[in-house]
Amino acid sequence: MLANILATNVYALLVIFVRLGGAMMMFPGLNSALVAVRIRLLLAVSIAFLLLPSLAGRLPPMPPDPMSMSLLIASEATIGLFLGIVMQVLVLPIDMAGNSISYALGLTNMFTNDISRGNWWPDS
């Protein structure tokens, strides 16, 4: 009885973490090299723990064999990556508008490196 409950909770946490981790891997701002991998991992695990009680009843049932479990995990990771890429696409126009406004107002220099985009070294 207790082993069945534990397996169900671990399964639910794994499914939530895989989708959330895939999305956080691609989120704008968090996918930068300036954010440590441990910080992203800790953030994804803590949010998965927080979402576990509310989402555990809505998840699909645990697959009976390892092949279908791996297929489910791969599909959840793909969905998470897709959501992260969609967030990047939605935030990119806002970033471009902010950069063009700051260029027009003279608040930034066009020839400096943008650290948030990963351009650490000047072109040579």
PDB file of N, CA and C in Angstrom:
ATOM      1  N   MET A   1       0.819  -1.193   0.000  1.00  0.00           N
ATOM      2  CA  MET A   1       0.000   0.000   0.000  1.00  0.00           C
ATOM      3  C   MET A   1       0.866   1.261   0.000  1.00  0.00           C
ATOM      4  N   LEU A   2       1.801   1.350   0.946  1.00  0.00           N
ATOM      5  CA  LEU A   2       2.667   2.519   1.042  1.00  0.00           C
ATOM      6  C   LEU A   2       3.607   2.593  -0.161  1.00  0.00           C
ATOM      7  N   ALA A   3       4.092   1.444  -0.627  1.00  0.00           N
ATOM      8  CA  ALA A   3       4.974   1.434  -1.794  1.00  0.00           C
ATOM      9  C   ALA A   3       4.235   1.914  -3.036  1.00  0.00           C
ATOM     10  N   ASN A   4       2.955   1.566  -3.158  1.00  0.00           N
ATOM     11  CA  ASN A   4       2.166   2.008  -4.305  1.00  0.00           C
ATOM     12  C   ASN A   4       1.960   3.527  -4.274  1.00  0.00           C
ATOM     13  N   ILE A   5       1.688   4.079  -3.094  1.00  0.00           N
ATOM     14  CA  ILE A   5       1.508   5.525  -2.971  1.00  0.00           C
ATOM     15  C   ILE A   5       2.813   6.247  -3.266  1.00  0.00           C
ATOM     16  N   LEU A   6       3.923   5.711  -2.759  1.00  0.00           N
ATOM     17  CA  LEU A   6       5.225   6.319  -3.003  1.00  0.00           C
ATOM     18  C   LEU A   6       5.573   6.293  -4.492  1.00  0.00           C
ATOM     19  N   ALA A   7       5.320   5.169  -5.163  1.00  0.00           N
ATOM     20  CA  ALA A   7       5.602   5.070  -6.590  1.00  0.00           C
ATOM     21  C   ALA A   7       4.744   6.038  -7.390  1.00  0.00           C
ATOM     22  N   THR A   8       3.498   6.215  -7.002  1.00  0.00           N
ATOM     23  CA  THR A   8       2.619   7.150  -7.698  1.00  0.00           C
ATOM     24  C   THR A   8       3.093   8.584  -7.518  1.00  0.00           C
ATOM     25  N   ASN A   9       3.523   8.936  -6.310  1.00  0.00           N
ATOM     26  CA  ASN A   9       4.011  10.295  -6.066  1.00  0.00           C
ATOM     27  C   ASN A   9       5.319  10.574  -6.793  1.00  0.00           C
ATOM     28  N   VAL A  10       6.213   9.602  -6.828  1.00  0.00           N
ATOM     29  CA  VAL A  10       7.476   9.784  -7.540  1.00  0.00           C
ATOM     30  C   VAL A  10       7.218   9.906  -9.039  1.00  0.00           C
ATOM     31  N   TYR A  11       6.285   9.109  -9.549  1.00  0.00           N
ATOM     32  CA  TYR A  11       5.917   9.200 -10.957  1.00  0.00           C
ATOM     33  C   TYR A  11       5.347  10.581 -11.276  1.00  0.00           C
ATOM     34  N   ALA A  12       4.441  11.081 -10.437  1.00  0.00           N
ATOM     35  CA  ALA A  12       3.840  12.392 -10.674  1.00  0.00           C
ATOM     36  C   ALA A  12       4.894  13.492 -10.610  1.00  0.00           C
ATOM     37  N   LEU A  13       5.798  13.421  -9.637  1.00  0.00           N
ATOM     38  CA  LEU A  13       6.864  14.413  -9.539  1.00  0.00           C
ATOM     39  C   LEU A  13       7.775  14.359 -10.756  1.00  0.00           C
ATOM     40  N   LEU A  14       8.085  13.164 -11.226  1.00  0.00           N
ATOM     41  CA  LEU A  14       8.950  13.018 -12.394  1.00  0.00           C
ATOM     42  C   LEU A  14       8.311  13.622 -13.639  1.00  0.00           C
ATOM     43  N   VAL A  15       7.039  13.359 -13.852  1.00  0.00           N
ATOM     44  CA  VAL A  15       6.364  13.883 -15.047  1.00  0.00           C
ATOM     45  C   VAL A  15       6.296  15.409 -15.000  1.00  0.00           C
ATOM     46  N   ILE A  16       5.963  15.959 -13.832  1.00  0.00           N
ATOM     47  CA  ILE A  16       5.897  17.420 -13.701  1.00  0.00           C
ATOM     48  C   ILE A  16       7.282  18.032 -13.861  1.00  0.00           C
ATOM     49  N   PHE A  17       8.289  17.407 -13.254  1.00  0.00           N
ATOM     50  CA  PHE A  17       9.651  17.948 -13.331  1.00  0.00           C
ATOM     51  C   PHE A  17      10.203  17.907 -14.748  1.00  0.00           C
ATOM     52  N   VAL A  18       9.909  16.848 -15.486  1.00  0.00           N
ATOM     53  CA  VAL A  18      10.462  16.744 -16.841  1.00  0.00           C
ATOM     54  C   VAL A  18       9.893  17.837 -17.738  1.00  0.00           C
ATOM     55  N   ARG A  19       8.583  18.066 -17.658  1.00  0.00           N
ATOM     56  CA  ARG A  19       7.998  19.110 -18.501  1.00  0.00           C
ATOM     57  C   ARG A  19       8.487  20.483 -18.061  1.00  0.00           C
ATOM     58  N   LEU A  20       8.499  20.727 -16.776  1.00  0.00           N
ATOM     59  CA  LEU A  20       8.928  22.019 -16.252  1.00  0.00           C
ATOM     60  C   LEU A  20      10.420  22.246 -16.489  1.00  0.00           C
ATOM     61  N   GLY A  21      11.216  21.207 -16.320  1.00  0.00           N
ATOM     62  CA  GLY A  21      12.650  21.336 -16.566  1.00  0.00           C
ATOM     63  C   GLY A  21      12.963  21.599 -18.022  1.00  0.00           C
ATOM     64  N   GLY A  22      12.233  20.959 -18.923  1.00  0.00           N
ATOM     65  CA  GLY A  22      12.425  21.237 -20.345  1.00  0.00           C
ATOM     66  C   GLY A  22      12.061  22.659 -20.703  1.00  0.00           C
ATOM     67  N   ALA A  23      10.998  23.164 -20.093  1.00  0.00           N
ATOM     68  CA  ALA A  23      10.608  24.549 -20.362  1.00  0.00           C
ATOM     69  C   ALA A  23      11.606  25.530 -19.758  1.00  0.00           C
ATOM     70  N   MET A  24      12.057  25.253 -18.531  1.00  0.00           N
ATOM     71  CA  MET A  24      12.994  26.172 -17.882  1.00  0.00           C
ATOM     72  C   MET A  24      14.360  26.165 -18.552  1.00  0.00           C
ATOM     73  N   MET A  25      14.675  25.088 -19.235  1.00  0.00           N
ATOM     74  CA  MET A  25      15.940  25.030 -19.947  1.00  0.00           C
ATOM     75  C   MET A  25      15.962  26.039 -21.096  1.00  0.00           C
ATOM     76  N   MET A  26      14.782  26.381 -21.611  1.00  0.00           N
ATOM     77  CA  MET A  26      14.703  27.288 -22.746  1.00  0.00           C
ATOM     78  C   MET A  26      14.101  28.653 -22.406  1.00  0.00           C
ATOM     79  N   PHE A  27      13.650  28.876 -21.168  1.00  0.00           N
ATOM     80  CA  PHE A  27      13.049  30.157 -20.809  1.00  0.00           C
ATOM     81  C   PHE A  27      14.023  31.287 -21.046  1.00  0.00           C
ATOM     82  N   PRO A  28      13.547  32.415 -21.558  1.00  0.00           N
ATOM     83  CA  PRO A  28      14.429  33.579 -21.717  1.00  0.00           C
ATOM     84  C   PRO A  28      14.889  34.081 -20.353  1.00  0.00           C
ATOM     85  N   GLY A  29      16.140  34.394 -20.256  1.00  0.00           N
ATOM     86  CA  GLY A  29      16.699  34.852 -18.989  1.00  0.00           C
ATOM     87  C   GLY A  29      17.292  33.724 -18.173  1.00  0.00           C
ATOM     88  N   LEU A  30      16.649  32.561 -18.167  1.00  0.00           N
ATOM     89  CA  LEU A  30      17.178  31.425 -17.415  1.00  0.00           C
ATOM     90  C   LEU A  30      18.097  30.553 -18.260  1.00  0.00           C
ATOM     91  N   ASN A  31      18.032  30.675 -19.582  1.00  0.00           N
ATOM     92  CA  ASN A  31      18.858  29.821 -20.433  1.00  0.00           C
ATOM     93  C   ASN A  31      20.227  30.442 -20.699  1.00  0.00           C
ATOM     94  N   SER A  32      20.510  31.573 -20.098  1.00  0.00           N
ATOM     95  CA  SER A  32      21.789  32.236 -20.275  1.00  0.00           C
ATOM     96  C   SER A  32      22.895  31.473 -19.553  1.00  0.00           C
ATOM     97  N   ALA A  33      24.100  31.657 -20.020  1.00  0.00           N
ATOM     98  CA  ALA A  33      25.245  31.031 -19.357  1.00  0.00           C
ATOM     99  C   ALA A  33      25.558  31.715 -18.032  1.00  0.00           C
ATOM    100  N   LEU A  34      24.970  32.868 -17.788  1.00  0.00           N
ATOM    101  CA  LEU A  34      25.201  33.571 -16.536  1.00  0.00           C
ATOM    102  C   LEU A  34      24.446  32.950 -15.373  1.00  0.00           C
ATOM    103  N   VAL A  35      23.397  32.173 -15.660  1.00  0.00           N
ATOM    104  CA  VAL A  35      22.625  31.505 -14.611  1.00  0.00           C
ATOM    105  C   VAL A  35      23.189  30.092 -14.458  1.00  0.00           C
ATOM    106  N   ALA A  36      23.579  29.747 -13.261  1.00  0.00           N
ATOM    107  CA  ALA A  36      24.194  28.442 -13.013  1.00  0.00           C
ATOM    108  C   ALA A  36      23.181  27.313 -13.224  1.00  0.00           C
ATOM    109  N   VAL A  37      23.685  26.182 -13.656  1.00  0.00           N
ATOM    110  CA  VAL A  37      22.825  25.028 -13.914  1.00  0.00           C
ATOM    111  C   VAL A  37      22.182  24.543 -12.622  1.00  0.00           C
ATOM    112  N   ARG A  38      22.914  24.613 -11.524  1.00  0.00           N
ATOM    113  CA  ARG A  38      22.362  24.174 -10.233  1.00  0.00           C
ATOM    114  C   ARG A  38      21.180  25.050  -9.808  1.00  0.00           C
ATOM    115  N   ILE A  39      21.267  26.329 -10.109  1.00  0.00           N
ATOM    116  CA  ILE A  39      20.170  27.243  -9.764  1.00  0.00           C
ATOM    117  C   ILE A  39      18.933  26.884 -10.565  1.00  0.00           C
ATOM    118  N   ARG A  40      19.097  26.633 -11.858  1.00  0.00           N
ATOM    119  CA  ARG A  40      17.953  26.247 -12.697  1.00  0.00           C
ATOM    120  C   ARG A  40      17.357  24.928 -12.242  1.00  0.00           C
ATOM    121  N   LEU A  41      18.215  23.977 -11.889  1.00  0.00           N
ATOM    122  CA  LEU A  41      17.747  22.676 -11.424  1.00  0.00           C
ATOM    123  C   LEU A  41      16.990  22.801 -10.106  1.00  0.00           C
ATOM    124  N   LEU A  42      17.533  23.561  -9.182  1.00  0.00           N
ATOM    125  CA  LEU A  42      16.866  23.762  -7.901  1.00  0.00           C
ATOM    126  C   LEU A  42      15.530  24.480  -8.072  1.00  0.00           C
ATOM    127  N   LEU A  43      15.480  25.447  -8.959  1.00  0.00           N
ATOM    128  CA  LEU A  43      14.233  26.162  -9.219  1.00  0.00           C
ATOM    129  C   LEU A  43      13.188  25.238  -9.827  1.00  0.00           C
ATOM    130  N   ALA A  44      13.598  24.399 -10.773  1.00  0.00           N
ATOM    131  CA  ALA A  44      12.647  23.470 -11.399  1.00  0.00           C
ATOM    132  C   ALA A  44      12.145  22.427 -10.403  1.00  0.00           C
ATOM    133  N   VAL A  45      13.025  21.903  -9.569  1.00  0.00           N
ATOM    134  CA  VAL A  45      12.601  20.904  -8.581  1.00  0.00           C
ATOM    135  C   VAL A  45      11.666  21.526  -7.551  1.00  0.00           C
ATOM    136  N   SER A  46      11.981  22.730  -7.103  1.00  0.00           N
ATOM    137  CA  SER A  46      11.125  23.357  -6.089  1.00  0.00           C
ATOM    138  C   SER A  46       9.756  23.713  -6.658  1.00  0.00           C
ATOM    139  N   ILE A  47       9.693  24.185  -7.873  1.00  0.00           N
ATOM    140  CA  ILE A  47       8.393  24.478  -8.482  1.00  0.00           C
ATOM    141  C   ILE A  47       7.623  23.194  -8.741  1.00  0.00           C
ATOM    142  N   ALA A  48       8.316  22.125  -9.116  1.00  0.00           N
ATOM    143  CA  ALA A  48       7.636  20.836  -9.305  1.00  0.00           C
ATOM    144  C   ALA A  48       7.057  20.326  -7.998  1.00  0.00           C
ATOM    145  N   PHE A  49       7.790  20.494  -6.894  1.00  0.00           N
ATOM    146  CA  PHE A  49       7.250  20.106  -5.582  1.00  0.00           C
ATOM    147  C   PHE A  49       6.029  20.939  -5.219  1.00  0.00           C
ATOM    148  N   LEU A  50       6.053  22.231  -5.565  1.00  0.00           N
ATOM    149  CA  LEU A  50       4.918  23.083  -5.246  1.00  0.00           C
ATOM    150  C   LEU A  50       3.685  22.745  -6.093  1.00  0.00           C
ATOM    151  N   LEU A  51       3.902  22.332  -7.327  1.00  0.00           N
ATOM    152  CA  LEU A  51       2.786  22.006  -8.210  1.00  0.00           C
ATOM    153  C   LEU A  51       2.271  20.582  -8.035  1.00  0.00           C
ATOM    154  N   LEU A  52       3.014  19.743  -7.347  1.00  0.00           N
ATOM    155  CA  LEU A  52       2.649  18.333  -7.212  1.00  0.00           C
ATOM    156  C   LEU A  52       1.267  18.102  -6.603  1.00  0.00           C
ATOM    157  N   PRO A  53       0.887  18.743  -5.505  1.00  0.00           N
ATOM    158  CA  PRO A  53      -0.442  18.446  -4.938  1.00  0.00           C
ATOM    159  C   PRO A  53      -1.606  18.843  -5.844  1.00  0.00           C
ATOM    160  N   SER A  54      -1.438  19.925  -6.589  1.00  0.00           N
ATOM    161  CA  SER A  54      -2.553  20.374  -7.417  1.00  0.00           C
ATOM    162  C   SER A  54      -2.633  19.651  -8.756  1.00  0.00           C
ATOM    163  N   LEU A  55      -1.521  19.127  -9.257  1.00  0.00           N
ATOM    164  CA  LEU A  55      -1.530  18.482 -10.573  1.00  0.00           C
ATOM    165  C   LEU A  55      -1.518  16.956 -10.518  1.00  0.00           C
ATOM    166  N   ALA A  56      -1.339  16.368  -9.361  1.00  0.00           N
ATOM    167  CA  ALA A  56      -1.187  14.909  -9.274  1.00  0.00           C
ATOM    168  C   ALA A  56      -2.444  14.179  -9.753  1.00  0.00           C
ATOM    169  N   GLY A  57      -3.608  14.703  -9.515  1.00  0.00           N
ATOM    170  CA  GLY A  57      -4.840  14.041  -9.932  1.00  0.00           C
ATOM    171  C   GLY A  57      -5.144  14.177 -11.414  1.00  0.00           C
ATOM    172  N   ARG A  58      -4.498  15.134 -12.081  1.00  0.00           N
ATOM    173  CA  ARG A  58      -4.778  15.374 -13.494  1.00  0.00           C
ATOM    174  C   ARG A  58      -3.806  14.682 -14.441  1.00  0.00           C
ATOM    175  N   LEU A  59      -2.820  14.013 -13.906  1.00  0.00           N
ATOM    176  CA  LEU A  59      -1.818  13.353 -14.744  1.00  0.00           C
ATOM    177  C   LEU A  59      -2.358  12.037 -15.289  1.00  0.00           C
ATOM    178  N   PRO A  60      -1.799  11.572 -16.407  1.00  0.00           N
ATOM    179  CA  PRO A  60      -2.210  10.256 -16.906  1.00  0.00           C
ATOM    180  C   PRO A  60      -1.757   9.159 -15.952  1.00  0.00           C
ATOM    181  N   PRO A  61      -2.409   8.002 -16.002  1.00  0.00           N
ATOM    182  CA  PRO A  61      -1.997   6.917 -15.102  1.00  0.00           C
ATOM    183  C   PRO A  61      -0.587   6.426 -15.430  1.00  0.00           C
ATOM    184  N   MET A  62       0.044   5.803 -14.443  1.00  0.00           N
ATOM    185  CA  MET A  62       1.410   5.328 -14.615  1.00  0.00           C
ATOM    186  C   MET A  62       1.444   4.199 -15.636  1.00  0.00           C
ATOM    187  N   PRO A  63       2.330   4.288 -16.640  1.00  0.00           N
ATOM    188  CA  PRO A  63       2.420   3.223 -17.650  1.00  0.00           C
ATOM    189  C   PRO A  63       2.915   1.920 -17.041  1.00  0.00           C
ATOM    190  N   PRO A  64       2.463   0.788 -17.588  1.00  0.00           N
ATOM    191  CA  PRO A  64       2.841  -0.502 -17.004  1.00  0.00           C
ATOM    192  C   PRO A  64       4.249  -0.975 -17.370  1.00  0.00           C
ATOM    193  N   ASP A  65       4.761  -0.573 -18.532  1.00  0.00           N
ATOM    194  CA  ASP A  65       6.066  -1.080 -18.962  1.00  0.00           C
ATOM    195  C   ASP A  65       7.051   0.076 -19.170  1.00  0.00           C
ATOM    196  N   PRO A  66       8.359  -0.228 -19.166  1.00  0.00           N
ATOM    197  CA  PRO A  66       9.373   0.821 -19.276  1.00  0.00           C
ATOM    198  C   PRO A  66       9.371   1.540 -20.632  1.00  0.00           C
ATOM    199  N   MET A  67       8.978   0.847 -21.693  1.00  0.00           N
ATOM    200  CA  MET A  67       8.991   1.483 -23.011  1.00  0.00           C
ATOM    201  C   MET A  67       7.956   2.605 -23.090  1.00  0.00           C
ATOM    202  N   SER A  68       6.763   2.347 -22.599  1.00  0.00           N
ATOM    203  CA  SER A  68       5.746   3.402 -22.622  1.00  0.00           C
ATOM    204  C   SER A  68       6.079   4.516 -21.631  1.00  0.00           C
ATOM    205  N   MET A  69       6.766   4.172 -20.548  1.00  0.00           N
ATOM    206  CA  MET A  69       7.207   5.204 -19.596  1.00  0.00           C
ATOM    207  C   MET A  69       8.250   6.114 -20.243  1.00  0.00           C
ATOM    208  N   SER A  70       9.191   5.542 -20.959  1.00  0.00           N
ATOM    209  CA  SER A  70      10.197   6.366 -21.629  1.00  0.00           C
ATOM    210  C   SER A  70       9.568   7.204 -22.740  1.00  0.00           C
ATOM    211  N   LEU A  71       8.567   6.670 -23.415  1.00  0.00           N
ATOM    212  CA  LEU A  71       7.856   7.440 -24.434  1.00  0.00           C
ATOM    213  C   LEU A  71       7.105   8.617 -23.802  1.00  0.00           C
ATOM    214  N   LEU A  72       6.487   8.392 -22.653  1.00  0.00           N
ATOM    215  CA  LEU A  72       5.794   9.458 -21.941  1.00  0.00           C
ATOM    216  C   LEU A  72       6.767  10.535 -21.480  1.00  0.00           C
ATOM    217  N   ILE A  73       7.911  10.128 -20.954  1.00  0.00           N
ATOM    218  CA  ILE A  73       8.914  11.090 -20.490  1.00  0.00           C
ATOM    219  C   ILE A  73       9.463  11.893 -21.669  1.00  0.00           C
ATOM    220  N   ALA A  74       9.704  11.238 -22.800  1.00  0.00           N
ATOM    221  CA  ALA A  74      10.193  11.951 -23.982  1.00  0.00           C
ATOM    222  C   ALA A  74       9.152  12.936 -24.503  1.00  0.00           C
ATOM    223  N   SER A  75       7.887  12.543 -24.481  1.00  0.00           N
ATOM    224  CA  SER A  75       6.851  13.470 -24.952  1.00  0.00           C
ATOM    225  C   SER A  75       6.699  14.653 -24.000  1.00  0.00           C
ATOM    226  N   GLU A  76       6.816  14.429 -22.697  1.00  0.00           N
ATOM    227  CA  GLU A  76       6.741  15.529 -21.739  1.00  0.00           C
ATOM    228  C   GLU A  76       7.927  16.482 -21.904  1.00  0.00           C
ATOM    229  N   ALA A  77       9.107  15.942 -22.145  1.00  0.00           N
ATOM    230  CA  ALA A  77      10.280  16.795 -22.370  1.00  0.00           C
ATOM    231  C   ALA A  77      10.118  17.605 -23.654  1.00  0.00           C
ATOM    232  N   THR A  78       9.560  16.998 -24.693  1.00  0.00           N
ATOM    233  CA  THR A  78       9.338  17.706 -25.952  1.00  0.00           C
ATOM    234  C   THR A  78       8.331  18.835 -25.767  1.00  0.00           C
ATOM    235  N   ILE A  79       7.269  18.569 -25.027  1.00  0.00           N
ATOM    236  CA  ILE A  79       6.275  19.611 -24.758  1.00  0.00           C
ATOM    237  C   ILE A  79       6.906  20.747 -23.955  1.00  0.00           C
ATOM    238  N   GLY A  80       7.728  20.425 -22.972  1.00  0.00           N
ATOM    239  CA  GLY A  80       8.402  21.451 -22.183  1.00  0.00           C
ATOM    240  C   GLY A  80       9.345  22.294 -23.020  1.00  0.00           C
ATOM    241  N   LEU A  81      10.119  21.652 -23.890  1.00  0.00           N
ATOM    242  CA  LEU A  81      11.009  22.400 -24.776  1.00  0.00           C
ATOM    243  C   LEU A  81      10.217  23.304 -25.712  1.00  0.00           C
ATOM    244  N   PHE A  82       9.097  22.803 -26.216  1.00  0.00           N
ATOM    245  CA  PHE A  82       8.252  23.604 -27.092  1.00  0.00           C
ATOM    246  C   PHE A  82       7.728  24.844 -26.358  1.00  0.00           C
ATOM    247  N   LEU A  83       7.276  24.665 -25.126  1.00  0.00           N
ATOM    248  CA  LEU A  83       6.773  25.805 -24.355  1.00  0.00           C
ATOM    249  C   LEU A  83       7.877  26.831 -24.087  1.00  0.00           C
ATOM    250  N   GLY A  84       9.088  26.364 -23.820  1.00  0.00           N
ATOM    251  CA  GLY A  84      10.203  27.276 -23.611  1.00  0.00           C
ATOM    252  C   GLY A  84      10.568  28.040 -24.872  1.00  0.00           C
ATOM    253  N   ILE A  85      10.532  27.373 -26.017  1.00  0.00           N
ATOM    254  CA  ILE A  85      10.831  28.042 -27.285  1.00  0.00           C
ATOM    255  C   ILE A  85       9.746  29.050 -27.619  1.00  0.00           C
ATOM    256  N   VAL A  86       8.490  28.720 -27.330  1.00  0.00           N
ATOM    257  CA  VAL A  86       7.400  29.678 -27.551  1.00  0.00           C
ATOM    258  C   VAL A  86       7.609  30.921 -26.695  1.00  0.00           C
ATOM    259  N   MET A  87       8.038  30.734 -25.454  1.00  0.00           N
ATOM    260  CA  MET A  87       8.320  31.886 -24.593  1.00  0.00           C
ATOM    261  C   MET A  87       9.453  32.733 -25.157  1.00  0.00           C
ATOM    262  N   GLN A  88      10.478  32.094 -25.722  1.00  0.00           N
ATOM    263  CA  GLN A  88      11.558  32.855 -26.337  1.00  0.00           C
ATOM    264  C   GLN A  88      11.056  33.662 -27.514  1.00  0.00           C
ATOM    265  N   VAL A  89      10.202  33.068 -28.321  1.00  0.00           N
ATOM    266  CA  VAL A  89       9.670  33.759 -29.498  1.00  0.00           C
ATOM    267  C   VAL A  89       8.780  34.929 -29.069  1.00  0.00           C
ATOM    268  N   LEU A  90       8.042  34.774 -27.971  1.00  0.00           N
ATOM    269  CA  LEU A  90       7.182  35.851 -27.505  1.00  0.00           C
ATOM    270  C   LEU A  90       7.962  36.990 -26.850  1.00  0.00           C
ATOM    271  N   VAL A  91       9.088  36.703 -26.232  1.00  0.00           N
ATOM    272  CA  VAL A  91       9.864  37.730 -25.546  1.00  0.00           C
ATOM    273  C   VAL A  91      10.832  38.434 -26.496  1.00  0.00           C
ATOM    274  N   LEU A  92      11.228  37.786 -27.578  1.00  0.00           N
ATOM    275  CA  LEU A  92      12.201  38.375 -28.498  1.00  0.00           C
ATOM    276  C   LEU A  92      11.748  39.709 -29.083  1.00  0.00           C
ATOM    277  N   PRO A  93      10.504  39.892 -29.542  1.00  0.00           N
ATOM    278  CA  PRO A  93      10.116  41.223 -30.044  1.00  0.00           C
ATOM    279  C   PRO A  93      10.179  42.314 -28.978  1.00  0.00           C
ATOM    280  N   ILE A  94       9.879  41.962 -27.731  1.00  0.00           N
ATOM    281  CA  ILE A  94       9.966  42.953 -26.654  1.00  0.00           C
ATOM    282  C   ILE A  94      11.420  43.358 -26.444  1.00  0.00           C
ATOM    283  N   ASP A  95      12.327  42.400 -26.505  1.00  0.00           N
ATOM    284  CA  ASP A  95      13.749  42.686 -26.360  1.00  0.00           C
ATOM    285  C   ASP A  95      14.250  43.545 -27.518  1.00  0.00           C
ATOM    286  N   MET A  96      13.833  43.207 -28.719  1.00  0.00           N
ATOM    287  CA  MET A  96      14.264  43.989 -29.892  1.00  0.00           C
ATOM    288  C   MET A  96      13.715  45.413 -29.836  1.00  0.00           C
ATOM    289  N   ALA A  97      12.472  45.573 -29.403  1.00  0.00           N
ATOM    290  CA  ALA A  97      11.893  46.916 -29.281  1.00  0.00           C
ATOM    291  C   ALA A  97      12.634  47.730 -28.226  1.00  0.00           C
ATOM    292  N   GLY A  98      12.938  47.114 -27.108  1.00  0.00           N
ATOM    293  CA  GLY A  98      13.684  47.816 -26.068  1.00  0.00           C
ATOM    294  C   GLY A  98      15.070  48.223 -26.532  1.00  0.00           C
ATOM    295  N   ASN A  99      15.738  47.345 -27.283  1.00  0.00           N
ATOM    296  CA  ASN A  99      17.067  47.686 -27.797  1.00  0.00           C
ATOM    297  C   ASN A  99      16.995  48.821 -28.806  1.00  0.00           C
ATOM    298  N   SER A 100      16.020  48.768 -29.718  1.00  0.00           N
ATOM    299  CA  SER A 100      15.934  49.827 -30.720  1.00  0.00           C
ATOM    300  C   SER A 100      15.547  51.163 -30.083  1.00  0.00           C
ATOM    301  N   ILE A 101      14.698  51.143 -29.055  1.00  0.00           N
ATOM    302  CA  ILE A 101      14.353  52.388 -28.361  1.00  0.00           C
ATOM    303  C   ILE A 101      15.579  52.942 -27.629  1.00  0.00           C
ATOM    304  N   SER A 102      16.357  52.071 -26.994  1.00  0.00           N
ATOM    305  CA  SER A 102      17.537  52.563 -26.288  1.00  0.00           C
ATOM    306  C   SER A 102      18.602  53.058 -27.258  1.00  0.00           C
ATOM    307  N   TYR A 103      18.707  52.449 -28.451  1.00  0.00           N
ATOM    308  CA  TYR A 103      19.630  52.980 -29.463  1.00  0.00           C
ATOM    309  C   TYR A 103      19.177  54.355 -29.925  1.00  0.00           C
ATOM    310  N   ALA A 104      17.866  54.522 -30.140  1.00  0.00           N
ATOM    311  CA  ALA A 104      17.351  55.791 -30.639  1.00  0.00           C
ATOM    312  C   ALA A 104      17.508  56.913 -29.614  1.00  0.00           C
ATOM    313  N   LEU A 105      17.361  56.593 -28.344  1.00  0.00           N
ATOM    314  CA  LEU A 105      17.477  57.607 -27.308  1.00  0.00           C
ATOM    315  C   LEU A 105      18.910  57.859 -26.873  1.00  0.00           C
ATOM    316  N   GLY A 106      19.824  57.032 -27.323  1.00  0.00           N
ATOM    317  CA  GLY A 106      21.221  57.209 -26.950  1.00  0.00           C
ATOM    318  C   GLY A 106      21.558  56.654 -25.585  1.00  0.00           C
ATOM    319  N   LEU A 107      20.757  55.718 -25.102  1.00  0.00           N
ATOM    320  CA  LEU A 107      21.005  55.151 -23.778  1.00  0.00           C
ATOM    321  C   LEU A 107      22.002  54.005 -23.805  1.00  0.00           C
ATOM    322  N   THR A 108      22.326  53.512 -24.972  1.00  0.00           N
ATOM    323  CA  THR A 108      23.281  52.411 -25.078  1.00  0.00           C
ATOM    324  C   THR A 108      24.117  52.595 -26.340  1.00  0.00           C
ATOM    325  N   ASN A 109      25.183  51.864 -26.402  1.00  0.00           N
ATOM    326  CA  ASN A 109      26.075  51.940 -27.544  1.00  0.00           C
ATOM    327  C   ASN A 109      25.874  50.713 -28.400  1.00  0.00           C
ATOM    328  N   MET A 110      25.767  50.907 -29.678  1.00  0.00           N
ATOM    329  CA  MET A 110      25.515  49.813 -30.597  1.00  0.00           C
ATOM    330  C   MET A 110      26.719  48.871 -30.713  1.00  0.00           C
ATOM    331  N   PHE A 111      27.889  49.350 -30.349  1.00  0.00           N
ATOM    332  CA  PHE A 111      29.097  48.567 -30.540  1.00  0.00           C
ATOM    333  C   PHE A 111      29.544  47.822 -29.287  1.00  0.00           C
ATOM    334  N   THR A 112      28.767  47.889 -28.229  1.00  0.00           N
ATOM    335  CA  THR A 112      29.103  47.138 -27.026  1.00  0.00           C
ATOM    336  C   THR A 112      28.511  45.739 -27.095  1.00  0.00           C
ATOM    337  N   ASN A 113      29.011  44.871 -26.240  1.00  0.00           N
ATOM    338  CA  ASN A 113      28.539  43.490 -26.220  1.00  0.00           C
ATOM    339  C   ASN A 113      27.330  43.364 -25.304  1.00  0.00           C
ATOM    340  N   ASP A 114      26.348  42.589 -25.744  1.00  0.00           N
ATOM    341  CA  ASP A 114      25.169  42.330 -24.927  1.00  0.00           C
ATOM    342  C   ASP A 114      25.397  41.019 -24.189  1.00  0.00           C
ATOM    343  N   ILE A 115      25.665  41.098 -22.893  1.00  0.00           N
ATOM    344  CA  ILE A 115      26.002  39.924 -22.110  1.00  0.00           C
ATOM    345  C   ILE A 115      24.803  38.990 -21.986  1.00  0.00           C
ATOM    346  N   SER A 116      23.594  39.535 -21.963  1.00  0.00           N
ATOM    347  CA  SER A 116      22.410  38.696 -21.781  1.00  0.00           C
ATOM    348  C   SER A 116      22.155  37.773 -22.968  1.00  0.00           C
ATOM    349  N   ARG A 117      22.680  38.094 -24.118  1.00  0.00           N
ATOM    350  CA  ARG A 117      22.518  37.223 -25.290  1.00  0.00           C
ATOM    351  C   ARG A 117      23.672  36.253 -25.469  1.00  0.00           C
ATOM    352  N   GLY A 118      24.660  36.330 -24.623  1.00  0.00           N
ATOM    353  CA  GLY A 118      25.785  35.399 -24.703  1.00  0.00           C
ATOM    354  C   GLY A 118      26.943  35.927 -25.536  1.00  0.00           C
ATOM    355  N   ASN A 119      26.897  37.195 -25.954  1.00  0.00           N
ATOM    356  CA  ASN A 119      28.000  37.778 -26.705  1.00  0.00           C
ATOM    357  C   ASN A 119      29.017  38.327 -25.711  1.00  0.00           C
ATOM    358  N   TRP A 120      29.913  37.466 -25.288  1.00  0.00           N
ATOM    359  CA  TRP A 120      30.852  37.836 -24.243  1.00  0.00           C
ATOM    360  C   TRP A 120      32.086  38.530 -24.806  1.00  0.00           C
ATOM    361  N   TRP A 121      32.534  38.127 -25.982  1.00  0.00           N
ATOM    362  CA  TRP A 121      33.781  38.634 -26.519  1.00  0.00           C
ATOM    363  C   TRP A 121      33.505  39.485 -27.744  1.00  0.00           C
ATOM    364  N   PRO A 122      34.277  40.548 -27.920  1.00  0.00           N
ATOM    365  CA  PRO A 122      34.073  41.385 -29.111  1.00  0.00           C
ATOM    366  C   PRO A 122      34.486  40.631 -30.371  1.00  0.00           C
ATOM    367  N   ASP A 123      33.837  40.968 -31.442  1.00  0.00           N
ATOM    368  CA  ASP A 123      34.190  40.353 -32.730  1.00  0.00           C
ATOM    369  C   ASP A 123      35.537  40.884 -33.188  1.00  0.00           C
ATOM    370  N   SER A 124      36.329  39.990 -33.750  1.00  0.00           N
ATOM    371  CA  SER A 124      37.645  40.430 -34.213  1.00  0.00           C
ATOM    372  C   SER A 124      37.882  39.970 -35.623  1.00  0.00           C
TER     373      SER A 124
END
